[in-house]
N, C-alpha and C. Protein backbone atom coordinates (compact mmCIF):
# COMPACT_ATOMS: atom_id res chain seq x y z
N UNK A 1 -17.36 -112.02 130.05
CA UNK A 1 -15.91 -112.03 129.85
C UNK A 1 -15.27 -111.00 130.62
N UNK A 2 -14.08 -111.31 131.34
CA UNK A 2 -13.51 -110.24 132.28
C UNK A 2 -12.72 -109.27 131.46
N UNK A 3 -12.25 -108.11 131.84
CA UNK A 3 -11.53 -107.28 131.27
C UNK A 3 -10.03 -107.50 131.77
N UNK A 4 -9.25 -107.74 130.85
CA UNK A 4 -7.94 -108.07 131.17
C UNK A 4 -6.98 -107.40 130.19
N UNK A 5 -5.83 -107.51 130.82
CA UNK A 5 -4.59 -106.79 129.93
C UNK A 5 -3.20 -106.94 130.71
N UNK A 6 -2.22 -106.19 130.05
CA UNK A 6 -0.98 -106.19 130.36
C UNK A 6 -0.61 -105.00 131.19
N UNK A 7 0.17 -105.09 132.32
CA UNK A 7 0.41 -103.71 132.89
C UNK A 7 1.57 -102.88 132.29
N UNK A 8 2.12 -103.56 131.11
CA UNK A 8 3.04 -102.78 130.50
C UNK A 8 2.31 -101.46 129.66
N UNK A 9 1.05 -102.03 129.20
CA UNK A 9 0.25 -100.97 128.54
C UNK A 9 -0.57 -100.07 129.30
N UNK A 10 -0.85 -100.36 130.52
CA UNK A 10 -1.65 -99.54 131.59
C UNK A 10 -1.01 -99.68 132.81
N UNK A 11 -0.83 -98.67 133.54
CA UNK A 11 -0.28 -98.52 134.87
C UNK A 11 -1.48 -98.97 135.90
N UNK A 12 -1.09 -99.57 137.05
CA UNK A 12 -2.15 -100.01 137.96
C UNK A 12 -3.15 -98.91 138.34
N UNK A 13 -2.37 -97.60 138.36
CA UNK A 13 -3.34 -96.53 138.84
C UNK A 13 -4.33 -96.25 137.85
N UNK A 14 -3.87 -96.37 136.48
CA UNK A 14 -4.90 -96.22 135.49
C UNK A 14 -6.15 -97.20 135.39
N UNK A 15 -5.60 -98.40 135.75
CA UNK A 15 -6.64 -99.35 135.78
C UNK A 15 -7.73 -99.33 136.98
N UNK A 16 -7.01 -99.04 137.95
CA UNK A 16 -8.01 -98.80 139.34
C UNK A 16 -8.87 -97.42 139.06
N UNK A 17 -8.22 -96.50 138.47
CA UNK A 17 -9.22 -95.26 138.09
C UNK A 17 -10.33 -95.40 137.21
N UNK A 18 -10.05 -96.31 136.17
CA UNK A 18 -11.05 -96.72 135.27
C UNK A 18 -12.19 -97.43 135.86
N UNK A 19 -11.93 -98.19 136.75
CA UNK A 19 -12.80 -99.05 137.52
C UNK A 19 -13.55 -98.12 138.40
N UNK A 20 -12.97 -97.34 139.13
CA UNK A 20 -13.55 -96.31 140.17
C UNK A 20 -14.38 -95.36 139.38
N UNK A 21 -13.95 -94.85 138.15
CA UNK A 21 -14.84 -93.76 137.65
C UNK A 21 -16.03 -94.36 137.02
N UNK A 22 -15.83 -95.60 136.51
CA UNK A 22 -17.00 -96.30 136.02
C UNK A 22 -18.02 -96.80 137.10
N UNK A 23 -17.57 -96.63 138.35
CA UNK A 23 -18.76 -97.19 139.43
C UNK A 23 -18.83 -98.52 139.37
N UNK A 24 -17.97 -99.25 138.95
CA UNK A 24 -17.88 -100.80 138.89
C UNK A 24 -17.75 -101.66 140.29
N UNK A 25 -18.36 -102.79 140.29
CA UNK A 25 -18.31 -103.60 141.39
C UNK A 25 -17.59 -104.95 140.81
N UNK A 26 -16.72 -105.45 141.70
CA UNK A 26 -16.09 -106.68 141.33
C UNK A 26 -14.73 -106.84 141.84
N UNK A 27 -13.93 -107.65 141.26
CA UNK A 27 -12.63 -108.18 141.98
C UNK A 27 -11.44 -107.89 140.95
N UNK A 28 -10.43 -107.12 141.02
CA UNK A 28 -9.29 -106.85 140.23
C UNK A 28 -8.00 -107.67 140.77
N UNK A 29 -7.64 -108.54 139.92
CA UNK A 29 -6.59 -109.21 140.20
C UNK A 29 -5.27 -108.94 139.58
N UNK A 30 -4.38 -108.47 140.15
CA UNK A 30 -3.02 -108.02 139.78
C UNK A 30 -1.96 -109.30 140.02
N UNK A 31 -1.25 -109.61 138.86
CA UNK A 31 -0.16 -110.52 138.94
C UNK A 31 0.95 -110.35 138.40
N UNK A 32 2.16 -110.77 138.84
CA UNK A 32 3.35 -110.88 138.20
C UNK A 32 4.16 -112.31 138.66
N UNK A 33 5.23 -112.27 138.31
CA UNK A 33 6.05 -113.57 138.70
C UNK A 33 6.24 -113.75 140.21
N UNK A 34 6.13 -112.70 140.77
CA UNK A 34 6.68 -112.76 142.26
C UNK A 34 5.37 -112.51 143.29
N UNK A 35 4.19 -111.96 142.76
CA UNK A 35 3.08 -111.57 143.58
C UNK A 35 1.85 -111.72 143.02
N UNK A 36 0.86 -111.67 144.03
CA UNK A 36 -0.49 -111.53 143.51
C UNK A 36 -1.43 -110.57 144.40
N UNK A 37 -2.16 -109.70 143.83
CA UNK A 37 -3.19 -108.98 144.88
C UNK A 37 -4.46 -109.05 144.36
N UNK A 38 -5.49 -109.01 145.23
CA UNK A 38 -6.89 -108.80 144.87
C UNK A 38 -7.40 -107.43 145.58
N UNK A 39 -8.15 -106.77 144.57
CA UNK A 39 -8.64 -105.63 145.18
C UNK A 39 -10.09 -105.74 144.71
N UNK A 40 -11.00 -105.54 145.72
CA UNK A 40 -12.40 -105.61 145.66
C UNK A 40 -13.11 -104.24 145.61
N UNK A 41 -14.02 -103.95 144.62
CA UNK A 41 -14.58 -102.79 144.47
C UNK A 41 -16.19 -102.86 144.65
N UNK A 42 -16.75 -101.71 145.33
CA UNK A 42 -18.17 -101.79 145.30
C UNK A 42 -18.62 -100.43 144.96
N UNK A 43 -19.37 -100.37 143.81
CA UNK A 43 -19.66 -99.12 143.14
C UNK A 43 -18.77 -98.13 143.07
N UNK A 44 -17.39 -98.69 142.62
CA UNK A 44 -16.33 -97.72 142.26
C UNK A 44 -15.50 -97.42 143.52
N UNK A 45 -15.91 -97.89 144.68
CA UNK A 45 -14.82 -97.77 145.88
C UNK A 45 -14.17 -99.08 146.21
N UNK A 46 -13.08 -98.94 146.64
CA UNK A 46 -12.32 -100.06 147.14
C UNK A 46 -12.72 -100.54 148.40
N UNK A 47 -13.07 -101.69 148.63
CA UNK A 47 -13.82 -102.07 149.99
C UNK A 47 -12.95 -103.32 150.65
N UNK A 48 -12.02 -103.82 149.91
CA UNK A 48 -11.15 -104.83 150.58
C UNK A 48 -9.85 -105.14 149.59
N UNK A 49 -8.87 -105.24 150.19
CA UNK A 49 -7.47 -105.66 149.50
C UNK A 49 -6.63 -106.54 150.01
N UNK A 50 -6.38 -107.51 149.43
CA UNK A 50 -5.47 -108.81 149.88
C UNK A 50 -4.08 -108.56 148.83
N UNK A 51 -3.16 -108.45 149.58
CA UNK A 51 -1.71 -108.53 148.87
C UNK A 51 -0.81 -109.52 149.60
N UNK A 52 -0.76 -110.72 149.09
CA UNK A 52 -0.07 -111.73 149.92
C UNK A 52 -0.66 -111.92 151.10
N UNK A 53 -0.09 -111.82 152.22
CA UNK A 53 -0.85 -111.97 153.70
C UNK A 53 -1.10 -110.72 154.25
N UNK A 54 -1.03 -109.66 153.68
CA UNK A 54 -1.31 -108.41 154.09
C UNK A 54 -2.76 -108.15 153.48
N UNK A 55 -3.51 -107.46 154.50
CA UNK A 55 -5.02 -106.92 154.26
C UNK A 55 -5.18 -105.75 154.54
N UNK A 56 -6.05 -104.92 153.91
CA UNK A 56 -6.73 -103.57 154.36
C UNK A 56 -5.75 -102.62 153.61
N UNK A 57 -5.78 -101.38 154.20
CA UNK A 57 -5.00 -100.28 153.63
C UNK A 57 -3.44 -100.44 153.42
N UNK A 58 -3.07 -101.27 154.17
CA UNK A 58 -1.49 -101.47 153.90
C UNK A 58 -1.25 -102.46 152.81
N UNK A 59 -2.25 -103.24 152.53
CA UNK A 59 -2.01 -104.14 151.37
C UNK A 59 -2.51 -103.20 150.08
N UNK A 60 -3.30 -102.31 150.23
CA UNK A 60 -3.53 -101.33 148.92
C UNK A 60 -2.27 -100.55 148.67
N UNK A 61 -1.67 -100.13 149.67
CA UNK A 61 -0.37 -99.31 149.33
C UNK A 61 0.64 -100.09 148.78
N UNK A 62 0.89 -101.38 149.26
CA UNK A 62 1.75 -102.34 148.75
C UNK A 62 1.44 -102.90 147.25
N UNK A 63 0.12 -103.11 147.15
CA UNK A 63 -0.26 -103.55 145.80
C UNK A 63 -0.06 -102.49 144.83
N UNK A 64 -0.39 -101.00 144.96
CA UNK A 64 -0.15 -100.01 144.13
C UNK A 64 1.35 -99.82 143.96
N UNK A 65 2.21 -100.20 144.75
CA UNK A 65 3.61 -99.91 144.57
C UNK A 65 4.23 -101.11 143.91
N UNK A 66 3.75 -102.35 144.15
CA UNK A 66 4.38 -103.46 143.71
C UNK A 66 4.32 -103.87 142.34
N UNK A 67 3.36 -103.26 141.50
CA UNK A 67 3.13 -103.81 140.17
C UNK A 67 3.42 -102.67 138.98
N UNK A 68 4.48 -102.78 138.51
CA UNK A 68 4.77 -102.03 137.39
C UNK A 68 4.79 -102.95 136.17
N UNK A 69 4.83 -104.11 136.43
CA UNK A 69 4.67 -105.19 135.27
C UNK A 69 3.83 -106.41 135.59
N UNK A 70 3.35 -107.20 134.77
CA UNK A 70 2.48 -108.13 135.05
C UNK A 70 1.24 -108.09 134.26
N UNK A 71 -0.01 -108.74 134.85
CA UNK A 71 -1.25 -108.74 134.02
C UNK A 71 -2.28 -108.23 135.29
N UNK A 72 -3.45 -107.76 134.44
CA UNK A 72 -4.49 -107.57 135.40
C UNK A 72 -5.69 -108.24 134.80
N UNK A 73 -6.69 -108.67 135.65
CA UNK A 73 -7.98 -109.16 135.22
C UNK A 73 -8.91 -108.65 136.15
N UNK A 74 -10.13 -108.08 135.58
CA UNK A 74 -11.19 -107.55 136.56
C UNK A 74 -12.41 -108.40 136.27
N UNK A 75 -12.81 -108.93 137.23
CA UNK A 75 -14.12 -109.77 137.17
C UNK A 75 -15.23 -109.07 137.69
N UNK A 76 -15.93 -108.46 136.82
CA UNK A 76 -17.18 -107.62 137.16
C UNK A 76 -18.13 -108.35 138.00
N UNK A 77 -18.83 -107.78 138.97
CA UNK A 77 -19.95 -108.12 139.83
C UNK A 77 -19.52 -109.44 140.61
N UNK A 78 -18.21 -109.79 140.77
CA UNK A 78 -17.66 -110.79 141.86
C UNK A 78 -18.13 -110.07 143.26
N UNK A 79 -18.81 -110.87 143.95
CA UNK A 79 -19.41 -110.19 145.37
C UNK A 79 -18.33 -110.46 146.43
N UNK A 80 -18.15 -109.64 147.47
CA UNK A 80 -17.24 -109.70 148.61
C UNK A 80 -18.21 -109.70 149.82
N UNK A 81 -17.85 -110.87 150.59
CA UNK A 81 -18.70 -111.02 151.72
C UNK A 81 -18.54 -110.04 152.88
N UNK A 82 -17.37 -109.64 153.28
CA UNK A 82 -17.13 -108.71 154.32
C UNK A 82 -16.17 -107.58 153.95
N UNK A 83 -16.88 -106.42 153.54
CA UNK A 83 -15.84 -105.37 153.14
C UNK A 83 -15.23 -104.90 154.62
N UNK A 84 -14.01 -104.52 154.30
CA UNK A 84 -13.26 -104.07 155.58
C UNK A 84 -12.65 -102.60 155.42
N UNK A 85 -12.91 -102.11 154.43
CA UNK A 85 -12.32 -100.74 154.10
C UNK A 85 -13.42 -99.92 153.25
N UNK A 86 -13.01 -98.46 152.99
CA UNK A 86 -13.75 -97.90 151.93
C UNK A 86 -12.85 -96.75 151.22
N UNK A 87 -12.32 -97.03 150.24
CA UNK A 87 -11.41 -95.82 149.45
C UNK A 87 -12.02 -95.44 148.24
N UNK A 88 -12.34 -94.26 148.20
CA UNK A 88 -12.77 -93.66 146.93
C UNK A 88 -11.75 -93.06 146.04
N UNK A 89 -12.11 -92.58 144.89
CA UNK A 89 -11.00 -92.06 144.05
C UNK A 89 -10.33 -90.75 144.49
N UNK A 90 -10.98 -89.97 145.45
CA UNK A 90 -10.38 -88.80 146.09
C UNK A 90 -9.25 -89.18 147.09
N UNK A 91 -9.46 -90.37 147.65
CA UNK A 91 -8.54 -90.73 148.62
C UNK A 91 -7.31 -91.51 148.03
N UNK A 92 -7.40 -92.11 146.80
CA UNK A 92 -6.74 -92.93 146.16
C UNK A 92 -5.29 -92.30 146.09
N UNK A 93 -5.12 -90.93 145.35
CA UNK A 93 -3.98 -90.34 145.11
C UNK A 93 -3.02 -90.19 146.29
N UNK A 94 -3.63 -89.98 147.53
CA UNK A 94 -2.80 -89.82 148.62
C UNK A 94 -2.25 -91.13 149.22
N UNK A 95 -2.87 -92.22 148.68
CA UNK A 95 -2.23 -93.52 149.14
C UNK A 95 -1.31 -94.12 148.31
N UNK A 96 -1.27 -93.62 147.01
CA UNK A 96 -0.43 -94.17 146.02
C UNK A 96 0.87 -93.40 145.97
N UNK A 97 1.09 -92.32 146.82
CA UNK A 97 2.19 -91.61 146.78
C UNK A 97 3.28 -92.07 147.79
């Protein structure tokens, strides 16, 4: 069963940090009425992000800024075929500012 919740109770940064600190692998889906993003994790690092038509680091910055409300769902162990980046927790704070 996936981990799911409402972003009114948790910020995107809190959800992403929880996944990173847990060393989890899988796909985090963020949704609201206007947008959807997918963040892929491998052993706690973000390895691919899709936000609308934007991919990569720019998509990560957009996704972190876009969702102050909406829902999140984390599908653990969902595989990613072609990782395109590597962002760990120490790099995340500089991107989210």
